[in-house]
Amino acid sequence: MKDYQHEFLDFAIATGVLCFGEFTLKSGRLSPYFFNSGLFNTGESLARLGRYYAQSIEQSGIEYDCIFGPAYKGIPLVAAASVALYDH
């Protein structure tokens, strides 16, 4: 894993977004972890998340003209990533 990927996981755990335990998903399946992206709920956490997305996009080596975030959670994610890409 790349450094930014480790940092992202540490960040997700520290903010309580990524939890480990026994969780029943909407599908009824059991999962040993749960990722609640709704807990990225501050300007600081959204900005950091955008930077991680931007790093992932840049590291992919894929050429792009635009990025797209499907409704509803994808819209603020792509907005934050766009700002991070612009700032970089």
PDB file of N, CA and C in Angstrom:
ATOM      1  N   MET A   1       0.838  -1.193   0.000  1.00  0.00           N
ATOM      2  CA  MET A   1       0.000   0.000   0.000  1.00  0.00           C
ATOM      3  C   MET A   1       0.876   1.247   0.000  1.00  0.00           C
ATOM      4  N   LYS A   2       0.382   2.272  -0.613  1.00  0.00           N
ATOM      5  CA  LYS A   2       1.083   3.552  -0.660  1.00  0.00           C
ATOM      6  C   LYS A   2       0.846   4.315   0.651  1.00  0.00           C
ATOM      7  N   ASP A   3       1.729   5.266   0.937  1.00  0.00           N
ATOM      8  CA  ASP A   3       1.634   6.027   2.186  1.00  0.00           C
ATOM      9  C   ASP A   3       0.270   6.688   2.355  1.00  0.00           C
ATOM     10  N   TYR A   4      -0.251   7.318   1.296  1.00  0.00           N
ATOM     11  CA  TYR A   4      -1.536   8.010   1.427  1.00  0.00           C
ATOM     12  C   TYR A   4      -2.673   7.032   1.720  1.00  0.00           C
ATOM     13  N   GLN A   5      -2.544   5.782   1.263  1.00  0.00           N
ATOM     14  CA  GLN A   5      -3.571   4.777   1.545  1.00  0.00           C
ATOM     15  C   GLN A   5      -3.549   4.385   3.021  1.00  0.00           C
ATOM     16  N   HIS A   6      -2.348   4.231   3.585  1.00  0.00           N
ATOM     17  CA  HIS A   6      -2.230   3.958   5.026  1.00  0.00           C
ATOM     18  C   HIS A   6      -2.778   5.135   5.833  1.00  0.00           C
ATOM     19  N   GLU A   7      -2.419   6.348   5.409  1.00  0.00           N
ATOM     20  CA  GLU A   7      -2.902   7.543   6.108  1.00  0.00           C
ATOM     21  C   GLU A   7      -4.426   7.616   6.069  1.00  0.00           C
ATOM     22  N   PHE A   8      -5.014   7.283   4.913  1.00  0.00           N
ATOM     23  CA  PHE A   8      -6.468   7.303   4.792  1.00  0.00           C
ATOM     24  C   PHE A   8      -7.106   6.311   5.759  1.00  0.00           C
ATOM     25  N   LEU A   9      -6.576   5.090   5.820  1.00  0.00           N
ATOM     26  CA  LEU A   9      -7.139   4.090   6.737  1.00  0.00           C
ATOM     27  C   LEU A   9      -7.022   4.548   8.183  1.00  0.00           C
ATOM     28  N   ASP A  10      -5.863   5.089   8.563  1.00  0.00           N
ATOM     29  CA  ASP A  10      -5.696   5.609   9.927  1.00  0.00           C
ATOM     30  C   ASP A  10      -6.709   6.721  10.206  1.00  0.00           C
ATOM     31  N   PHE A  11      -6.904   7.593   9.235  1.00  0.00           N
ATOM     32  CA  PHE A  11      -7.862   8.696   9.352  1.00  0.00           C
ATOM     33  C   PHE A  11      -9.284   8.163   9.506  1.00  0.00           C
ATOM     34  N   ALA A  12      -9.658   7.191   8.684  1.00  0.00           N
ATOM     35  CA  ALA A  12     -11.011   6.619   8.745  1.00  0.00           C
ATOM     36  C   ALA A  12     -11.265   5.947  10.092  1.00  0.00           C
ATOM     37  N   ILE A  13     -10.266   5.275  10.618  1.00  0.00           N
ATOM     38  CA  ILE A  13     -10.415   4.624  11.927  1.00  0.00           C
ATOM     39  C   ILE A  13     -10.493   5.676  13.034  1.00  0.00           C
ATOM     40  N   ALA A  14      -9.616   6.677  12.979  1.00  0.00           N
ATOM     41  CA  ALA A  14      -9.576   7.714  14.021  1.00  0.00           C
ATOM     42  C   ALA A  14     -10.875   8.513  14.086  1.00  0.00           C
ATOM     43  N   THR A  15     -11.529   8.714  12.949  1.00  0.00           N
ATOM     44  CA  THR A  15     -12.777   9.484  12.931  1.00  0.00           C
ATOM     45  C   THR A  15     -14.002   8.613  13.201  1.00  0.00           C
ATOM     46  N   GLY A  16     -13.804   7.307  13.350  1.00  0.00           N
ATOM     47  CA  GLY A  16     -14.922   6.400  13.603  1.00  0.00           C
ATOM     48  C   GLY A  16     -15.681   6.005  12.357  1.00  0.00           C
ATOM     49  N   VAL A  17     -15.180   6.408  11.200  1.00  0.00           N
ATOM     50  CA  VAL A  17     -15.836   6.057   9.936  1.00  0.00           C
ATOM     51  C   VAL A  17     -15.699   4.562   9.666  1.00  0.00           C
ATOM     52  N   LEU A  18     -14.521   4.021   9.931  1.00  0.00           N
ATOM     53  CA  LEU A  18     -14.269   2.593   9.742  1.00  0.00           C
ATOM     54  C   LEU A  18     -14.252   1.918  11.103  1.00  0.00           C
ATOM     55  N   CYS A  19     -15.190   1.010  11.303  1.00  0.00           N
ATOM     56  CA  CYS A  19     -15.318   0.285  12.567  1.00  0.00           C
ATOM     57  C   CYS A  19     -15.199  -1.209  12.307  1.00  0.00           C
ATOM     58  N   PHE A  20     -14.641  -1.895  13.271  1.00  0.00           N
ATOM     59  CA  PHE A  20     -14.516  -3.347  13.181  1.00  0.00           C
ATOM     60  C   PHE A  20     -15.370  -3.989  14.261  1.00  0.00           C
ATOM     61  N   GLY A  21     -15.955  -5.115  13.942  1.00  0.00           N
ATOM     62  CA  GLY A  21     -16.841  -5.827  14.854  1.00  0.00           C
ATOM     63  C   GLY A  21     -17.690  -6.788  14.057  1.00  0.00           C
ATOM     64  N   GLU A  22     -18.922  -6.965  14.471  1.00  0.00           N
ATOM     65  CA  GLU A  22     -19.864  -7.804  13.732  1.00  0.00           C
ATOM     66  C   GLU A  22     -21.064  -6.941  13.368  1.00  0.00           C
ATOM     67  N   PHE A  23     -21.263  -6.745  12.078  1.00  0.00           N
ATOM     68  CA  PHE A  23     -22.309  -5.853  11.596  1.00  0.00           C
ATOM     69  C   PHE A  23     -23.210  -6.591  10.624  1.00  0.00           C
ATOM     70  N   THR A  24     -24.514  -6.373  10.761  1.00  0.00           N
ATOM     71  CA  THR A  24     -25.467  -6.923   9.804  1.00  0.00           C
ATOM     72  C   THR A  24     -25.771  -5.839   8.780  1.00  0.00           C
ATOM     73  N   LEU A  25     -25.464  -6.127   7.521  1.00  0.00           N
ATOM     74  CA  LEU A  25     -25.667  -5.171   6.446  1.00  0.00           C
ATOM     75  C   LEU A  25     -27.121  -5.154   6.002  1.00  0.00           C
ATOM     76  N   LYS A  26     -27.493  -4.170   5.193  1.00  0.00           N
ATOM     77  CA  LYS A  26     -28.866  -4.090   4.687  1.00  0.00           C
ATOM     78  C   LYS A  26     -29.259  -5.355   3.941  1.00  0.00           C
ATOM     79  N   SER A  27     -28.284  -5.999   3.328  1.00  0.00           N
ATOM     80  CA  SER A  27     -28.538  -7.234   2.578  1.00  0.00           C
ATOM     81  C   SER A  27     -28.799  -8.421   3.496  1.00  0.00           C
ATOM     82  N   GLY A  28     -28.535  -8.237   4.790  1.00  0.00           N
ATOM     83  CA  GLY A  28     -28.685  -9.326   5.744  1.00  0.00           C
ATOM     84  C   GLY A  28     -27.389 -10.082   5.995  1.00  0.00           C
ATOM     85  N   ARG A  29     -26.382  -9.814   5.190  1.00  0.00           N
ATOM     86  CA  ARG A  29     -25.088 -10.471   5.361  1.00  0.00           C
ATOM     87  C   ARG A  29     -24.352  -9.885   6.554  1.00  0.00           C
ATOM     88  N   LEU A  30     -23.521 -10.713   7.178  1.00  0.00           N
ATOM     89  CA  LEU A  30     -22.678 -10.243   8.274  1.00  0.00           C
ATOM     90  C   LEU A  30     -21.357  -9.746   7.704  1.00  0.00           C
ATOM     91  N   SER A  31     -20.833  -8.694   8.317  1.00  0.00           N
ATOM     92  CA  SER A  31     -19.562  -8.132   7.887  1.00  0.00           C
ATOM     93  C   SER A  31     -18.688  -7.877   9.109  1.00  0.00           C
ATOM     94  N   PRO A  32     -17.371  -8.109   8.990  1.00  0.00           N
ATOM     95  CA  PRO A  32     -16.467  -7.834  10.109  1.00  0.00           C
ATOM     96  C   PRO A  32     -16.096  -6.352  10.225  1.00  0.00           C
ATOM     97  N   TYR A  33     -16.584  -5.532   9.314  1.00  0.00           N
ATOM     98  CA  TYR A  33     -16.307  -4.098   9.376  1.00  0.00           C
ATOM     99  C   TYR A  33     -17.493  -3.310   8.823  1.00  0.00           C
ATOM    100  N   PHE A  34     -17.534  -2.020   9.166  1.00  0.00           N
ATOM    101  CA  PHE A  34     -18.571  -1.130   8.647  1.00  0.00           C
ATOM    102  C   PHE A  34     -17.927   0.209   8.344  1.00  0.00           C
ATOM    103  N   PHE A  35     -18.230   0.771   7.176  1.00  0.00           N
ATOM    104  CA  PHE A  35     -17.682   2.055   6.740  1.00  0.00           C
ATOM    105  C   PHE A  35     -18.840   3.038   6.633  1.00  0.00           C
ATOM    106  N   ASN A  36     -18.892   3.998   7.559  1.00  0.00           N
ATOM    107  CA  ASN A  36     -19.970   4.987   7.592  1.00  0.00           C
ATOM    108  C   ASN A  36     -19.431   6.330   7.106  1.00  0.00           C
ATOM    109  N   SER A  37     -19.479   6.548   5.799  1.00  0.00           N
ATOM    110  CA  SER A  37     -18.909   7.772   5.226  1.00  0.00           C
ATOM    111  C   SER A  37     -19.653   9.031   5.672  1.00  0.00           C
ATOM    112  N   GLY A  38     -20.840   8.887   6.218  1.00  0.00           N
ATOM    113  CA  GLY A  38     -21.579  10.030   6.733  1.00  0.00           C
ATOM    114  C   GLY A  38     -20.887  10.705   7.903  1.00  0.00           C
ATOM    115  N   LEU A  39     -19.914  10.019   8.506  1.00  0.00           N
ATOM    116  CA  LEU A  39     -19.177  10.608   9.621  1.00  0.00           C
ATOM    117  C   LEU A  39     -18.032  11.506   9.169  1.00  0.00           C
ATOM    118  N   PHE A  40     -17.800  11.585   7.858  1.00  0.00           N
ATOM    119  CA  PHE A  40     -16.913  12.630   7.339  1.00  0.00           C
ATOM    120  C   PHE A  40     -17.783  13.881   7.265  1.00  0.00           C
ATOM    121  N   ASN A  41     -18.006  14.509   8.407  1.00  0.00           N
ATOM    122  CA  ASN A  41     -19.042  15.539   8.494  1.00  0.00           C
ATOM    123  C   ASN A  41     -18.537  16.910   8.941  1.00  0.00           C
ATOM    124  N   THR A  42     -17.254  17.141   8.762  1.00  0.00           N
ATOM    125  CA  THR A  42     -16.709  18.473   9.038  1.00  0.00           C
ATOM    126  C   THR A  42     -15.972  18.957   7.795  1.00  0.00           C
ATOM    127  N   GLY A  43     -15.753  20.250   7.713  1.00  0.00           N
ATOM    128  CA  GLY A  43     -14.990  20.791   6.596  1.00  0.00           C
ATOM    129  C   GLY A  43     -13.595  20.201   6.525  1.00  0.00           C
ATOM    130  N   GLU A  44     -12.978  20.047   7.695  1.00  0.00           N
ATOM    131  CA  GLU A  44     -11.625  19.483   7.743  1.00  0.00           C
ATOM    132  C   GLU A  44     -11.601  18.048   7.225  1.00  0.00           C
ATOM    133  N   SER A  45     -12.550  17.232   7.688  1.00  0.00           N
ATOM    134  CA  SER A  45     -12.543  15.828   7.264  1.00  0.00           C
ATOM    135  C   SER A  45     -12.883  15.694   5.784  1.00  0.00           C
ATOM    136  N   LEU A  46     -13.782  16.526   5.283  1.00  0.00           N
ATOM    137  CA  LEU A  46     -14.122  16.472   3.859  1.00  0.00           C
ATOM    138  C   LEU A  46     -12.943  16.933   2.999  1.00  0.00           C
ATOM    139  N   ALA A  47     -12.219  17.949   3.459  1.00  0.00           N
ATOM    140  CA  ALA A  47     -11.036  18.411   2.723  1.00  0.00           C
ATOM    141  C   ALA A  47      -9.968  17.320   2.677  1.00  0.00           C
ATOM    142  N   ARG A  48      -9.749  16.659   3.805  1.00  0.00           N
ATOM    143  CA  ARG A  48      -8.762  15.564   3.826  1.00  0.00           C
ATOM    144  C   ARG A  48      -9.195  14.432   2.923  1.00  0.00           C
ATOM    145  N   LEU A  49     -10.475  14.095   2.970  1.00  0.00           N
ATOM    146  CA  LEU A  49     -10.994  13.032   2.112  1.00  0.00           C
ATOM    147  C   LEU A  49     -10.788  13.396   0.645  1.00  0.00           C
ATOM    148  N   GLY A  50     -11.046  14.647   0.295  1.00  0.00           N
ATOM    149  CA  GLY A  50     -10.822  15.101  -1.075  1.00  0.00           C
ATOM    150  C   GLY A  50      -9.374  14.958  -1.497  1.00  0.00           C
ATOM    151  N   ARG A  51      -8.450  15.240  -0.572  1.00  0.00           N
ATOM    152  CA  ARG A  51      -7.026  15.090  -0.892  1.00  0.00           C
ATOM    153  C   ARG A  51      -6.664  13.628  -1.127  1.00  0.00           C
ATOM    154  N   TYR A  52      -7.260  12.717  -0.348  1.00  0.00           N
ATOM    155  CA  TYR A  52      -6.980  11.289  -0.557  1.00  0.00           C
ATOM    156  C   TYR A  52      -7.525  10.824  -1.906  1.00  0.00           C
ATOM    157  N   TYR A  53      -8.716  11.270  -2.249  1.00  0.00           N
ATOM    158  CA  TYR A  53      -9.274  10.934  -3.564  1.00  0.00           C
ATOM    159  C   TYR A  53      -8.391  11.498  -4.671  1.00  0.00           C
ATOM    160  N   ALA A  54      -7.950  12.744  -4.514  1.00  0.00           N
ATOM    161  CA  ALA A  54      -7.102  13.373  -5.528  1.00  0.00           C
ATOM    162  C   ALA A  54      -5.794  12.607  -5.696  1.00  0.00           C
ATOM    163  N   GLN A  55      -5.197  12.185  -4.592  1.00  0.00           N
ATOM    164  CA  GLN A  55      -3.963  11.403  -4.677  1.00  0.00           C
ATOM    165  C   GLN A  55      -4.202  10.090  -5.406  1.00  0.00           C
ATOM    166  N   SER A  56      -5.328   9.469  -5.133  1.00  0.00           N
ATOM    167  CA  SER A  56      -5.656   8.210  -5.797  1.00  0.00           C
ATOM    168  C   SER A  56      -5.831   8.412  -7.300  1.00  0.00           C
ATOM    169  N   ILE A  57      -6.506   9.488  -7.675  1.00  0.00           N
ATOM    170  CA  ILE A  57      -6.704   9.793  -9.094  1.00  0.00           C
ATOM    171  C   ILE A  57      -5.355  10.038  -9.766  1.00  0.00           C
ATOM    172  N   GLU A  58      -4.509  10.840  -9.126  1.00  0.00           N
ATOM    173  CA  GLU A  58      -3.201  11.152  -9.701  1.00  0.00           C
ATOM    174  C   GLU A  58      -2.321   9.911  -9.809  1.00  0.00           C
ATOM    175  N   GLN A  59      -2.354   9.062  -8.784  1.00  0.00           N
ATOM    176  CA  GLN A  59      -1.531   7.851  -8.780  1.00  0.00           C
ATOM    177  C   GLN A  59      -1.995   6.821  -9.800  1.00  0.00           C
ATOM    178  N   SER A  60      -3.249   6.894 -10.217  1.00  0.00           N
ATOM    179  CA  SER A  60      -3.785   5.903 -11.155  1.00  0.00           C
ATOM    180  C   SER A  60      -3.139   6.008 -12.533  1.00  0.00           C
ATOM    181  N   GLY A  61      -2.665   7.196 -12.880  1.00  0.00           N
ATOM    182  CA  GLY A  61      -2.062   7.394 -14.185  1.00  0.00           C
ATOM    183  C   GLY A  61      -3.072   7.494 -15.315  1.00  0.00           C
ATOM    184  N   ILE A  62      -4.346   7.461 -14.990  1.00  0.00           N
ATOM    185  CA  ILE A  62      -5.399   7.549 -16.000  1.00  0.00           C
ATOM    186  C   ILE A  62      -5.589   9.009 -16.399  1.00  0.00           C
ATOM    187  N   GLU A  63      -5.622   9.261 -17.696  1.00  0.00           N
ATOM    188  CA  GLU A  63      -5.910  10.611 -18.169  1.00  0.00           C
ATOM    189  C   GLU A  63      -7.410  10.864 -18.040  1.00  0.00           C
ATOM    190  N   TYR A  64      -7.773  12.065 -17.644  1.00  0.00           N
ATOM    191  CA  TYR A  64      -9.191  12.387 -17.461  1.00  0.00           C
ATOM    192  C   TYR A  64      -9.452  13.829 -17.850  1.00  0.00           C
ATOM    193  N   ASP A  65     -10.673  14.074 -18.247  1.00  0.00           N
ATOM    194  CA  ASP A  65     -11.125  15.432 -18.549  1.00  0.00           C
ATOM    195  C   ASP A  65     -12.046  15.960 -17.463  1.00  0.00           C
ATOM    196  N   CYS A  66     -12.738  15.049 -16.789  1.00  0.00           N
ATOM    197  CA  CYS A  66     -13.655  15.439 -15.725  1.00  0.00           C
ATOM    198  C   CYS A  66     -13.781  14.269 -14.760  1.00  0.00           C
ATOM    199  N   ILE A  67     -14.295  14.562 -13.587  1.00  0.00           N
ATOM    200  CA  ILE A  67     -14.629  13.506 -12.632  1.00  0.00           C
ATOM    201  C   ILE A  67     -16.095  13.670 -12.267  1.00  0.00           C
ATOM    202  N   PHE A  68     -16.719  12.567 -11.874  1.00  0.00           N
ATOM    203  CA  PHE A  68     -18.161  12.545 -11.650  1.00  0.00           C
ATOM    204  C   PHE A  68     -18.451  11.898 -10.311  1.00  0.00           C
ATOM    205  N   GLY A  69     -19.367  12.482  -9.561  1.00  0.00           N
ATOM    206  CA  GLY A  69     -19.809  11.916  -8.296  1.00  0.00           C
ATOM    207  C   GLY A  69     -21.304  11.705  -8.316  1.00  0.00           C
ATOM    208  N   PRO A  70     -21.753  10.455  -8.335  1.00  0.00           N
ATOM    209  CA  PRO A  70     -23.195  10.203  -8.376  1.00  0.00           C
ATOM    210  C   PRO A  70     -23.877  10.645  -7.076  1.00  0.00           C
ATOM    211  N   ALA A  71     -25.141  11.032  -7.199  1.00  0.00           N
ATOM    212  CA  ALA A  71     -25.921  11.461  -6.034  1.00  0.00           C
ATOM    213  C   ALA A  71     -26.012  10.289  -5.053  1.00  0.00           C
ATOM    214  N   TYR A  72     -26.047  10.548  -3.852  1.00  0.00           N
ATOM    215  CA  TYR A  72     -25.978  11.814  -3.149  1.00  0.00           C
ATOM    216  C   TYR A  72     -24.589  12.020  -2.535  1.00  0.00           C
ATOM    217  N   LYS A  73     -24.017  11.003  -1.997  1.00  0.00           N
ATOM    218  CA  LYS A  73     -22.722  11.169  -1.327  1.00  0.00           C
ATOM    219  C   LYS A  73     -21.592  11.456  -2.292  1.00  0.00           C
ATOM    220  N   GLY A  74     -21.729  11.064  -3.536  1.00  0.00           N
ATOM    221  CA  GLY A  74     -20.667  11.274  -4.508  1.00  0.00           C
ATOM    222  C   GLY A  74     -20.467  12.725  -4.896  1.00  0.00           C
ATOM    223  N   ILE A  75     -21.509  13.530  -4.777  1.00  0.00           N
ATOM    224  CA  ILE A  75     -21.406  14.933  -5.193  1.00  0.00           C
ATOM    225  C   ILE A  75     -20.422  15.709  -4.307  1.00  0.00           C
ATOM    226  N   PRO A  76     -20.546  15.675  -2.975  1.00  0.00           N
ATOM    227  CA  PRO A  76     -19.551  16.392  -2.171  1.00  0.00           C
ATOM    228  C   PRO A  76     -18.162  15.765  -2.266  1.00  0.00           C
ATOM    229  N   LEU A  77     -18.088  14.454  -2.501  1.00  0.00           N
ATOM    230  CA  LEU A  77     -16.779  13.815  -2.636  1.00  0.00           C
ATOM    231  C   LEU A  77     -16.055  14.315  -3.878  1.00  0.00           C
ATOM    232  N   VAL A  78     -16.768  14.379  -4.993  1.00  0.00           N
ATOM    233  CA  VAL A  78     -16.123  14.844  -6.224  1.00  0.00           C
ATOM    234  C   VAL A  78     -15.814  16.336  -6.142  1.00  0.00           C
ATOM    235  N   ALA A  79     -16.637  17.093  -5.451  1.00  0.00           N
ATOM    236  CA  ALA A  79     -16.350  18.520  -5.273  1.00  0.00           C
ATOM    237  C   ALA A  79     -15.069  18.698  -4.458  1.00  0.00           C
ATOM    238  N   ALA A  80     -14.929  17.950  -3.375  1.00  0.00           N
ATOM    239  CA  ALA A  80     -13.725  18.037  -2.541  1.00  0.00           C
ATOM    240  C   ALA A  80     -12.493  17.566  -3.303  1.00  0.00           C
ATOM    241  N   ALA A  81     -12.632  16.496  -4.071  1.00  0.00           N
ATOM    242  CA  ALA A  81     -11.505  15.998  -4.868  1.00  0.00           C
ATOM    243  C   ALA A  81     -11.118  17.009  -5.938  1.00  0.00           C
ATOM    244  N   SER A  82     -12.097  17.668  -6.542  1.00  0.00           N
ATOM    245  CA  SER A  82     -11.813  18.677  -7.569  1.00  0.00           C
ATOM    246  C   SER A  82     -11.018  19.838  -6.993  1.00  0.00           C
ATOM    247  N   VAL A  83     -11.407  20.293  -5.814  1.00  0.00           N
ATOM    248  CA  VAL A  83     -10.679  21.381  -5.159  1.00  0.00           C
ATOM    249  C   VAL A  83      -9.250  20.934  -4.850  1.00  0.00           C
ATOM    250  N   ALA A  84      -9.103  19.719  -4.337  1.00  0.00           N
ATOM    251  CA  ALA A  84      -7.766  19.204  -4.013  1.00  0.00           C
ATOM    252  C   ALA A  84      -6.907  19.067  -5.269  1.00  0.00           C
ATOM    253  N   LEU A  85      -7.490  18.599  -6.363  1.00  0.00           N
ATOM    254  CA  LEU A  85      -6.739  18.490  -7.618  1.00  0.00           C
ATOM    255  C   LEU A  85      -6.314  19.872  -8.112  1.00  0.00           C
ATOM    256  N   TYR A  86      -7.197  20.838  -7.987  1.00  0.00           N
ATOM    257  CA  TYR A  86      -6.882  22.204  -8.408  1.00  0.00           C
ATOM    258  C   TYR A  86      -5.755  22.788  -7.552  1.00  0.00           C
ATOM    259  N   ASP A  87      -5.833  22.584  -6.240  1.00  0.00           N
ATOM    260  CA  ASP A  87      -4.832  23.129  -5.318  1.00  0.00           C
ATOM    261  C   ASP A  87      -3.466  22.493  -5.507  1.00  0.00           C
ATOM    262  N   HIS A  88      -3.451  21.261  -5.957  1.00  0.00           N
ATOM    263  CA  HIS A  88      -2.185  20.536  -6.112  1.00  0.00           C
ATOM    264  C   HIS A  88      -1.524  20.986  -7.373  1.00  0.00           C
TER     265      HIS A  88
END
